[in-house]
Amino acid sequence: MNGVLVTGGERPDLSLVDHLFKDKVYICAADSGLDYCIQNGLKPDYILGDMDSLADKTVLEGFSEDMIEEHSEEKDYTDTELGLLHLKEAGCTEIAVIGGGGGRLDHLIAVLALFDRPDAPDLWYTAREEVIHIRGHYSGTGNQGETVSFFPVGPDDCRMASSGLKWPLDTLCWSKGDVGISNTVLKRDFSIDMKEGRIILIRGLGKDLQSL
């Protein structure tokens, strides 16, 4: 089962992520992620968080109590972490996060840090970017000339092979702190094969394809 966590921060227009909701999917709304769900006609299966950024807490009255998990603001985990934990416990094997862009830098870094963990999400969508977690083979579709960037995640060094990129990744060995900024897609189909470690691919979303 696929899961989608809608959290706070800047989020994309629904038209850019509606493919996530085409098939049956389990939706968890974290705090003000519920506002996004309501605005876009999405029905969450579960709602959690400290609700400190929810526009109007009275909207919770429209949902069953057994699908709401309210936390104190003085907690050890962020709402996003709690949402990911819930989706894992619900049996979701592939998880996409919507939100977390813009706003406070520490919140942005906190979401990015999730990709260093063994149970990291598979996708992350901010208002302007798509982040793809690559653990093994990845086949991508892009526009010729599109800009893509890569970052190693997790504790291990990264070795990989690529096709369809202006600057191949085949001879590289990346450690934490290395970056691969502003590579270019040469043709519609491109691919990445991880030999060791994990990376994230960051690309523009929608009209911002060329802006990274």
Foldseek 3Di string as FASTA:
>chain_A
DEEEEEEEAAFADCVLVVVSVPDDYAYEYEQCSVVVCVVVVHDHQAYEYQNPPHPDVCVCVVDDPVRYYHDHPPDDDHSVVVRLVVCVVVPHPAYEYTHQDDDDPVSVVVLVLQQQDPSRHQWYGGHWKIKGKDDFKDKAFDDFFFWKKKAFHYQDWWAKFKPQKPDTRHVDIGGHPDIGGTIGGHHGIMMMGTPDGIMMMMATTDPCRRPD
